[in-house]
Amino acid sequence: MRVAIAGAGNVGRSIAQELIENGHQVTLIERQPTMLRPDRVPDAEWVLADACELTSLEEAELANRDVVVAATGDDKVNLVVSLLAKTEFAVPRVVARINRAENEWLFTEQWGVDVAVSKPRVMAALVEEAVTVGDLVRLMTFRQGEANLVEITLPTSAPYVGQPLRAVPLPRDAALVAILRGKRVLVPSPDDSIEAGDELIFVCTAEVEDAVRTVVLGPDSVERTRKAC
């Protein structure tokens, strides 16, 4: 993929390095000369420009990018970059960093954001994922499609433990995309069985999360969760 990242701070550079190691082409756009440090990510293309200006984005050839990441430390800048990337350059995928939790409601498809990433939300989700067995944990929200990435760690009491996936009647608008079993990542197939301790990763709409929880964990799981809250 060809990826442009607005903001060459610690977050932007870390994302760039990870993507480059995975074989992608990355351009870092930074408006502050003091932050322009090509030696930190030497395999990236570096552009000194203001990502909030159309001319700068044209020079960075945003129209030819598969993904734009708005990764600055300023939410206003990230929103403007996202909107310009989507509306002016029709970038297929726009990912935006949320710095202040109170601004999260703004990061929607109306501002051109496909995926919004909030550090507090991600950290909270990781904490829940690490300690929660027998409940559904929302890991990430994909704004454009109104879908969520969710995880369920199976307890021994789950109704379909030991049975093949074809026996699990998942609702419409829900898909099991991966099974994490120990150190292994399994691509699910209908013949695979699920085991206690498996971490099941789903993509589903918010409307069917309770239905997914009910199927995977049992009919009383939703009520147990509400009482716990």
C-alpha atoms as a PDB file:
ATOM      1  CA  MET A   1       0.000   0.000   0.000  1.00  0.00           C
ATOM      2  CA  ARG A   2       0.949   3.632  -0.437  1.00  0.00           C
ATOM      3  CA  VAL A   3       0.363   5.399   2.874  1.00  0.00           C
ATOM      4  CA  ALA A   4       0.618   9.075   3.821  1.00  0.00           C
ATOM      5  CA  ILE A   5       0.943   9.998   7.495  1.00  0.00           C
ATOM      6  CA  ALA A   6       0.302  13.531   8.711  1.00  0.00           C
ATOM      7  CA  GLY A   7       2.401  14.179  11.788  1.00  0.00           C
ATOM      8  CA  ALA A   8       5.961  12.957  12.291  1.00  0.00           C
ATOM      9  CA  GLY A   9       5.998  12.862  16.077  1.00  0.00           C
ATOM     10  CA  ASN A  10       6.539   9.699  18.071  1.00  0.00           C
ATOM     11  CA  VAL A  11       3.166   8.266  17.043  1.00  0.00           C
ATOM     12  CA  GLY A  12       3.540   9.051  13.346  1.00  0.00           C
ATOM     13  CA  ARG A  13       7.099   7.727  13.178  1.00  0.00           C
ATOM     14  CA  SER A  14       6.163   4.520  15.009  1.00  0.00           C
ATOM     15  CA  ILE A  15       3.303   3.856  12.593  1.00  0.00           C
ATOM     16  CA  ALA A  16       5.553   4.603   9.633  1.00  0.00           C
ATOM     17  CA  GLN A  17       8.290   2.246  10.803  1.00  0.00           C
ATOM     18  CA  GLU A  18       5.806  -0.581  11.407  1.00  0.00           C
ATOM     19  CA  LEU A  19       4.242  -0.160   7.963  1.00  0.00           C
ATOM     20  CA  ILE A  20       7.616  -0.018   6.228  1.00  0.00           C
ATOM     21  CA  GLU A  21       8.707  -3.214   7.964  1.00  0.00           C
ATOM     22  CA  ASN A  22       5.541  -4.810   6.574  1.00  0.00           C
ATOM     23  CA  GLY A  23       6.500  -3.795   3.028  1.00  0.00           C
ATOM     24  CA  HIS A  24       4.417  -0.647   2.500  1.00  0.00           C
ATOM     25  CA  GLN A  25       5.464   2.693   0.982  1.00  0.00           C
ATOM     26  CA  VAL A  26       5.152   5.539   3.485  1.00  0.00           C
ATOM     27  CA  THR A  27       5.283   9.315   3.217  1.00  0.00           C
ATOM     28  CA  LEU A  28       5.531  11.386   6.401  1.00  0.00           C
ATOM     29  CA  ILE A  29       4.136  14.927   6.214  1.00  0.00           C
ATOM     30  CA  GLU A  30       5.364  17.335   8.905  1.00  0.00           C
ATOM     31  CA  ARG A  31       4.968  21.110   9.112  1.00  0.00           C
ATOM     32  CA  GLN A  32       7.530  21.827  11.821  1.00  0.00           C
ATOM     33  CA  PRO A  33      11.140  21.863  10.540  1.00  0.00           C
ATOM     34  CA  THR A  34      12.434  20.797  13.958  1.00  0.00           C
ATOM     35  CA  MET A  35      10.397  17.588  13.714  1.00  0.00           C
ATOM     36  CA  LEU A  36      11.750  16.705  10.286  1.00  0.00           C
ATOM     37  CA  ARG A  37      14.108  13.861  11.185  1.00  0.00           C
ATOM     38  CA  PRO A  38      14.599  11.557   8.199  1.00  0.00           C
ATOM     39  CA  ASP A  39      17.323   9.674  10.068  1.00  0.00           C
ATOM     40  CA  ARG A  40      14.653   8.337  12.465  1.00  0.00           C
ATOM     41  CA  VAL A  41      12.747   6.577   9.644  1.00  0.00           C
ATOM     42  CA  PRO A  42      15.199   6.569   6.730  1.00  0.00           C
ATOM     43  CA  ASP A  43      13.094   4.390   4.432  1.00  0.00           C
ATOM     44  CA  ALA A  44      10.152   6.801   4.479  1.00  0.00           C
ATOM     45  CA  GLU A  45       9.668   9.746   2.136  1.00  0.00           C
ATOM     46  CA  TRP A  46       9.640  12.974   4.168  1.00  0.00           C
ATOM     47  CA  VAL A  47       7.726  16.094   3.172  1.00  0.00           C
ATOM     48  CA  LEU A  48       7.973  19.453   4.948  1.00  0.00           C
ATOM     49  CA  ALA A  49       4.472  20.866   4.517  1.00  0.00           C
ATOM     50  CA  ASP A  50       1.248  21.816   6.264  1.00  0.00           C
ATOM     51  CA  ALA A  51      -1.152  18.892   5.845  1.00  0.00           C
ATOM     52  CA  CYS A  52      -4.104  21.241   6.325  1.00  0.00           C
ATOM     53  CA  GLU A  53      -3.337  23.018   3.032  1.00  0.00           C
ATOM     54  CA  LEU A  54      -4.672  21.651  -0.228  1.00  0.00           C
ATOM     55  CA  THR A  55      -1.552  22.605  -2.180  1.00  0.00           C
ATOM     56  CA  SER A  56       0.624  20.679   0.277  1.00  0.00           C
ATOM     57  CA  LEU A  57      -1.528  17.589  -0.037  1.00  0.00           C
ATOM     58  CA  GLU A  58      -1.463  17.862  -3.812  1.00  0.00           C
ATOM     59  CA  GLU A  59       2.332  17.993  -3.732  1.00  0.00           C
ATOM     60  CA  ALA A  60       2.313  14.910  -1.497  1.00  0.00           C
ATOM     61  CA  GLU A  61       0.174  13.172  -4.194  1.00  0.00           C
ATOM     62  CA  LEU A  62      -2.596  12.254  -1.789  1.00  0.00           C
ATOM     63  CA  ALA A  63      -4.839  11.234  -4.679  1.00  0.00           C
ATOM     64  CA  ASN A  64      -2.493   8.293  -5.284  1.00  0.00           C
ATOM     65  CA  ARG A  65      -2.542   7.045  -1.685  1.00  0.00           C
ATOM     66  CA  ASP A  66      -4.393   3.966  -0.514  1.00  0.00           C
ATOM     67  CA  VAL A  67      -4.492   5.142   3.116  1.00  0.00           C
ATOM     68  CA  VAL A  68      -4.069   8.442   4.945  1.00  0.00           C
ATOM     69  CA  VAL A  69      -3.309   8.501   8.664  1.00  0.00           C
ATOM     70  CA  ALA A  70      -3.983  11.727  10.572  1.00  0.00           C
ATOM     71  CA  ALA A  71      -1.588  11.217  13.486  1.00  0.00           C
ATOM     72  CA  THR A  72      -0.824  14.694  14.798  1.00  0.00           C
ATOM     73  CA  GLY A  73      -1.224  15.724  18.425  1.00  0.00           C
ATOM     74  CA  ASP A  74      -3.980  18.210  17.520  1.00  0.00           C
ATOM     75  CA  ASP A  75      -7.523  16.898  17.026  1.00  0.00           C
ATOM     76  CA  LYS A  76      -8.514  19.924  14.916  1.00  0.00           C
ATOM     77  CA  VAL A  77      -5.686  19.215  12.512  1.00  0.00           C
ATOM     78  CA  ASN A  78      -6.545  15.525  12.342  1.00  0.00           C
ATOM     79  CA  LEU A  79     -10.161  16.310  11.489  1.00  0.00           C
ATOM     80  CA  VAL A  80      -9.203  18.758   8.736  1.00  0.00           C
ATOM     81  CA  VAL A  81      -6.682  16.324   7.250  1.00  0.00           C
ATOM     82  CA  SER A  82      -9.290  13.537   7.309  1.00  0.00           C
ATOM     83  CA  LEU A  83     -11.950  15.674   5.645  1.00  0.00           C
ATOM     84  CA  LEU A  84      -9.598  16.892   2.906  1.00  0.00           C
ATOM     85  CA  ALA A  85      -8.250  13.404   2.273  1.00  0.00           C
ATOM     86  CA  LYS A  86     -11.723  11.971   1.815  1.00  0.00           C
ATOM     87  CA  THR A  87     -13.566  14.800   0.054  1.00  0.00           C
ATOM     88  CA  GLU A  88     -10.826  16.356  -2.080  1.00  0.00           C
ATOM     89  CA  PHE A  89      -8.680  13.326  -2.868  1.00  0.00           C
ATOM     90  CA  ALA A  90     -11.103  10.399  -2.456  1.00  0.00           C
ATOM     91  CA  VAL A  91      -8.623   8.411  -0.364  1.00  0.00           C
ATOM     92  CA  PRO A  92     -10.173   4.947   0.185  1.00  0.00           C
ATOM     93  CA  ARG A  93      -9.143   4.598   3.837  1.00  0.00           C
ATOM     94  CA  VAL A  94      -8.684   7.379   6.386  1.00  0.00           C
ATOM     95  CA  VAL A  95      -7.491   6.599   9.900  1.00  0.00           C
ATOM     96  CA  ALA A  96      -7.491   9.373  12.508  1.00  0.00           C
ATOM     97  CA  ARG A  97      -5.909   9.684  15.934  1.00  0.00           C
ATOM     98  CA  ILE A  98      -8.065  11.058  18.751  1.00  0.00           C
ATOM     99  CA  ASN A  99      -6.030  12.919  21.365  1.00  0.00           C
ATOM    100  CA  ARG A 100      -8.760  14.181  23.687  1.00  0.00           C
ATOM    101  CA  ALA A 101     -11.563  11.820  24.697  1.00  0.00           C
ATOM    102  CA  GLU A 102     -14.165  14.599  24.720  1.00  0.00           C
ATOM    103  CA  ASN A 103     -13.625  15.072  20.969  1.00  0.00           C
ATOM    104  CA  GLU A 104     -14.328  11.459  20.061  1.00  0.00           C
ATOM    105  CA  TRP A 105     -17.892  12.191  18.933  1.00  0.00           C
ATOM    106  CA  LEU A 106     -16.550  14.369  16.093  1.00  0.00           C
ATOM    107  CA  PHE A 107     -14.517  11.616  14.439  1.00  0.00           C
ATOM    108  CA  THR A 108     -17.216  10.253  12.145  1.00  0.00           C
ATOM    109  CA  GLU A 109     -17.700   9.648   8.440  1.00  0.00           C
ATOM    110  CA  GLN A 110     -19.059  13.194   8.142  1.00  0.00           C
ATOM    111  CA  TRP A 111     -15.471  14.325   8.779  1.00  0.00           C
ATOM    112  CA  GLY A 112     -14.071  11.710   6.413  1.00  0.00           C
ATOM    113  CA  VAL A 113     -12.935   9.319   9.154  1.00  0.00           C
ATOM    114  CA  ASP A 114     -13.187   5.601   8.438  1.00  0.00           C
ATOM    115  CA  VAL A 115     -11.409   4.406  11.579  1.00  0.00           C
ATOM    116  CA  ALA A 116     -10.901   6.531  14.705  1.00  0.00           C
ATOM    117  CA  VAL A 117      -8.315   5.445  17.253  1.00  0.00           C
ATOM    118  CA  SER A 118      -8.474   6.755  20.803  1.00  0.00           C
ATOM    119  CA  LYS A 119      -5.587   5.880  23.106  1.00  0.00           C
ATOM    120  CA  PRO A 120      -7.762   5.728  26.252  1.00  0.00           C
ATOM    121  CA  ARG A 121     -10.317   3.506  24.493  1.00  0.00           C
ATOM    122  CA  VAL A 122      -7.644   1.209  23.068  1.00  0.00           C
ATOM    123  CA  MET A 123      -5.890   0.970  26.444  1.00  0.00           C
ATOM    124  CA  ALA A 124      -9.165   0.243  28.228  1.00  0.00           C
ATOM    125  CA  ALA A 125     -10.040  -2.403  25.648  1.00  0.00           C
ATOM    126  CA  LEU A 126      -6.636  -4.047  26.030  1.00  0.00           C
ATOM    127  CA  VAL A 127      -7.038  -4.113  29.799  1.00  0.00           C
ATOM    128  CA  GLU A 128     -10.505  -5.666  29.476  1.00  0.00           C
ATOM    129  CA  GLU A 129      -9.292  -8.150  26.879  1.00  0.00           C
ATOM    130  CA  ALA A 130      -6.477  -9.253  29.174  1.00  0.00           C
ATOM    131  CA  VAL A 131      -8.651  -9.929  32.204  1.00  0.00           C
ATOM    132  CA  THR A 132     -12.164 -10.637  30.917  1.00  0.00           C
ATOM    133  CA  VAL A 133     -13.336 -14.180  30.329  1.00  0.00           C
ATOM    134  CA  GLY A 134     -16.943 -14.858  29.437  1.00  0.00           C
ATOM    135  CA  ASP A 135     -17.942 -11.437  28.133  1.00  0.00           C
ATOM    136  CA  LEU A 136     -17.769  -9.400  24.948  1.00  0.00           C
ATOM    137  CA  VAL A 137     -15.066  -6.712  24.758  1.00  0.00           C
ATOM    138  CA  ARG A 138     -15.186  -4.021  22.063  1.00  0.00           C
ATOM    139  CA  LEU A 139     -11.671  -3.483  20.708  1.00  0.00           C
ATOM    140  CA  MET A 140     -12.220  -0.992  17.895  1.00  0.00           C
ATOM    141  CA  THR A 141     -14.937   0.860  16.016  1.00  0.00           C
ATOM    142  CA  PHE A 142     -14.960   1.183  12.244  1.00  0.00           C
ATOM    143  CA  ARG A 143     -16.935   4.360  11.791  1.00  0.00           C
ATOM    144  CA  GLN A 144     -17.837   4.249   8.116  1.00  0.00           C
ATOM    145  CA  GLY A 145     -19.513   0.864   8.267  1.00  0.00           C
ATOM    146  CA  GLU A 146     -20.868   1.265  11.802  1.00  0.00           C
ATOM    147  CA  ALA A 147     -19.123  -2.017  12.637  1.00  0.00           C
ATOM    148  CA  ASN A 148     -17.033  -3.021  15.635  1.00  0.00           C
ATOM    149  CA  LEU A 149     -14.130  -5.358  16.238  1.00  0.00           C
ATOM    150  CA  VAL A 150     -15.017  -7.356  19.341  1.00  0.00           C
ATOM    151  CA  GLU A 151     -13.456 -10.179  21.335  1.00  0.00           C
ATOM    152  CA  ILE A 152     -14.890 -12.974  23.457  1.00  0.00           C
ATOM    153  CA  THR A 153     -12.723 -15.290  25.542  1.00  0.00           C
ATOM    154  CA  LEU A 154     -14.584 -18.578  25.920  1.00  0.00           C
ATOM    155  CA  PRO A 155     -15.203 -19.937  29.412  1.00  0.00           C
ATOM    156  CA  THR A 156     -15.579 -23.679  29.954  1.00  0.00           C
ATOM    157  CA  SER A 157     -19.334 -23.155  30.353  1.00  0.00           C
ATOM    158  CA  ALA A 158     -19.841 -21.712  26.845  1.00  0.00           C
ATOM    159  CA  PRO A 159     -22.528 -23.734  25.035  1.00  0.00           C
ATOM    160  CA  TYR A 160     -20.571 -24.545  21.857  1.00  0.00           C
ATOM    161  CA  VAL A 161     -17.210 -25.496  23.405  1.00  0.00           C
ATOM    162  CA  GLY A 162     -15.928 -28.610  21.625  1.00  0.00           C
ATOM    163  CA  GLN A 163     -18.288 -28.203  18.681  1.00  0.00           C
ATOM    164  CA  PRO A 164     -17.427 -27.231  15.086  1.00  0.00           C
ATOM    165  CA  LEU A 165     -18.024 -23.667  13.965  1.00  0.00           C
ATOM    166  CA  ARG A 166     -20.729 -24.766  11.548  1.00  0.00           C
ATOM    167  CA  ALA A 167     -22.877 -25.536  14.604  1.00  0.00           C
ATOM    168  CA  VAL A 168     -22.661 -21.949  15.908  1.00  0.00           C
ATOM    169  CA  PRO A 169     -25.677 -19.971  14.585  1.00  0.00           C
ATOM    170  CA  LEU A 170     -24.161 -16.504  14.354  1.00  0.00           C
ATOM    171  CA  PRO A 171     -26.593 -13.692  13.548  1.00  0.00           C
ATOM    172  CA  ARG A 172     -26.573 -11.743  10.328  1.00  0.00           C
ATOM    173  CA  ASP A 173     -24.027  -8.871  10.237  1.00  0.00           C
ATOM    174  CA  ALA A 174     -21.554 -10.809  12.383  1.00  0.00           C
ATOM    175  CA  ALA A 175     -18.438 -12.647  11.187  1.00  0.00           C
ATOM    176  CA  LEU A 176     -15.826 -14.613  13.093  1.00  0.00           C
ATOM    177  CA  VAL A 177     -12.521 -13.453  11.590  1.00  0.00           C
ATOM    178  CA  ALA A 178      -9.882 -15.097  13.816  1.00  0.00           C
ATOM    179  CA  ILE A 179      -9.356 -17.501  16.697  1.00  0.00           C
ATOM    180  CA  LEU A 180      -6.452 -16.845  19.041  1.00  0.00           C
ATOM    181  CA  ARG A 181      -5.390 -20.082  20.735  1.00  0.00           C
ATOM    182  CA  GLY A 182      -2.297 -19.750  22.867  1.00  0.00           C
ATOM    183  CA  LYS A 183       0.412 -18.378  20.575  1.00  0.00           C
ATOM    184  CA  ARG A 184      -1.437 -19.410  17.421  1.00  0.00           C
ATOM    185  CA  VAL A 185      -3.693 -17.339  15.171  1.00  0.00           C
ATOM    186  CA  LEU A 186      -6.226 -19.549  13.402  1.00  0.00           C
ATOM    187  CA  VAL A 187      -8.233 -18.592  10.344  1.00  0.00           C
ATOM    188  CA  PRO A 188     -11.630 -20.113  11.155  1.00  0.00           C
ATOM    189  CA  SER A 189     -13.229 -22.716   8.908  1.00  0.00           C
ATOM    190  CA  PRO A 190     -16.572 -24.525   9.354  1.00  0.00           C
ATOM    191  CA  ASP A 191     -14.824 -27.731  10.468  1.00  0.00           C
ATOM    192  CA  ASP A 192     -12.759 -26.092  13.220  1.00  0.00           C
ATOM    193  CA  SER A 193     -13.943 -26.679  16.756  1.00  0.00           C
ATOM    194  CA  ILE A 194     -13.785 -24.015  19.446  1.00  0.00           C
ATOM    195  CA  GLU A 195     -12.198 -24.657  22.808  1.00  0.00           C
ATOM    196  CA  ALA A 196     -12.372 -23.175  26.292  1.00  0.00           C
ATOM    197  CA  GLY A 197      -9.842 -20.359  26.544  1.00  0.00           C
ATOM    198  CA  ASP A 198     -10.061 -19.478  22.853  1.00  0.00           C
ATOM    199  CA  GLU A 199     -10.184 -15.772  22.061  1.00  0.00           C
ATOM    200  CA  LEU A 200     -12.751 -15.291  19.310  1.00  0.00           C
ATOM    201  CA  ILE A 201     -12.401 -12.114  17.233  1.00  0.00           C
ATOM    202  CA  PHE A 202     -15.562 -10.911  15.480  1.00  0.00           C
ATOM    203  CA  VAL A 203     -16.517  -8.050  13.221  1.00  0.00           C
ATOM    204  CA  CYS A 204     -20.164  -7.123  13.763  1.00  0.00           C
ATOM    205  CA  THR A 205     -22.545  -4.206  13.899  1.00  0.00           C
ATOM    206  CA  ALA A 206     -23.386  -2.711  17.280  1.00  0.00           C
ATOM    207  CA  GLU A 207     -26.993  -3.829  16.866  1.00  0.00           C
ATOM    208  CA  VAL A 208     -26.092  -7.537  16.909  1.00  0.00           C
ATOM    209  CA  GLU A 209     -23.475  -7.502  19.684  1.00  0.00           C
ATOM    210  CA  ASP A 210     -25.986  -8.771  22.249  1.00  0.00           C
ATOM    211  CA  ALA A 211     -27.071 -11.499  19.828  1.00  0.00           C
ATOM    212  CA  VAL A 212     -23.449 -12.592  19.323  1.00  0.00           C
ATOM    213  CA  ARG A 213     -22.937 -12.635  23.092  1.00  0.00           C
ATOM    214  CA  THR A 214     -26.102 -14.688  23.561  1.00  0.00           C
ATOM    215  CA  VAL A 215     -25.142 -17.283  20.951  1.00  0.00           C
ATOM    216  CA  VAL A 216     -21.512 -17.682  22.008  1.00  0.00           C
ATOM    217  CA  LEU A 217     -21.890 -17.400  25.780  1.00  0.00           C
ATOM    218  CA  GLY A 218     -25.454 -18.559  26.418  1.00  0.00           C
ATOM    219  CA  PRO A 219     -28.914 -16.982  26.690  1.00  0.00           C
ATOM    220  CA  ASP A 220     -28.358 -15.581  30.205  1.00  0.00           C
ATOM    221  CA  SER A 221     -25.059 -13.835  29.369  1.00  0.00           C
ATOM    222  CA  VAL A 222     -26.602 -10.481  28.411  1.00  0.00           C
ATOM    223  CA  GLU A 223     -28.573 -10.307  31.661  1.00  0.00           C
ATOM    224  CA  ARG A 224     -25.477 -11.260  33.698  1.00  0.00           C
ATOM    225  CA  THR A 225     -23.517  -8.452  32.024  1.00  0.00           C
ATOM    226  CA  ARG A 226     -26.220  -5.868  32.715  1.00  0.00           C
ATOM    227  CA  LYS A 227     -26.434  -6.874  36.371  1.00  0.00           C
ATOM    228  CA  ALA A 228     -22.648  -6.606  36.668  1.00  0.00           C
ATOM    229  CA  CYS A 229     -22.811  -3.072  35.273  1.00  0.00           C
END
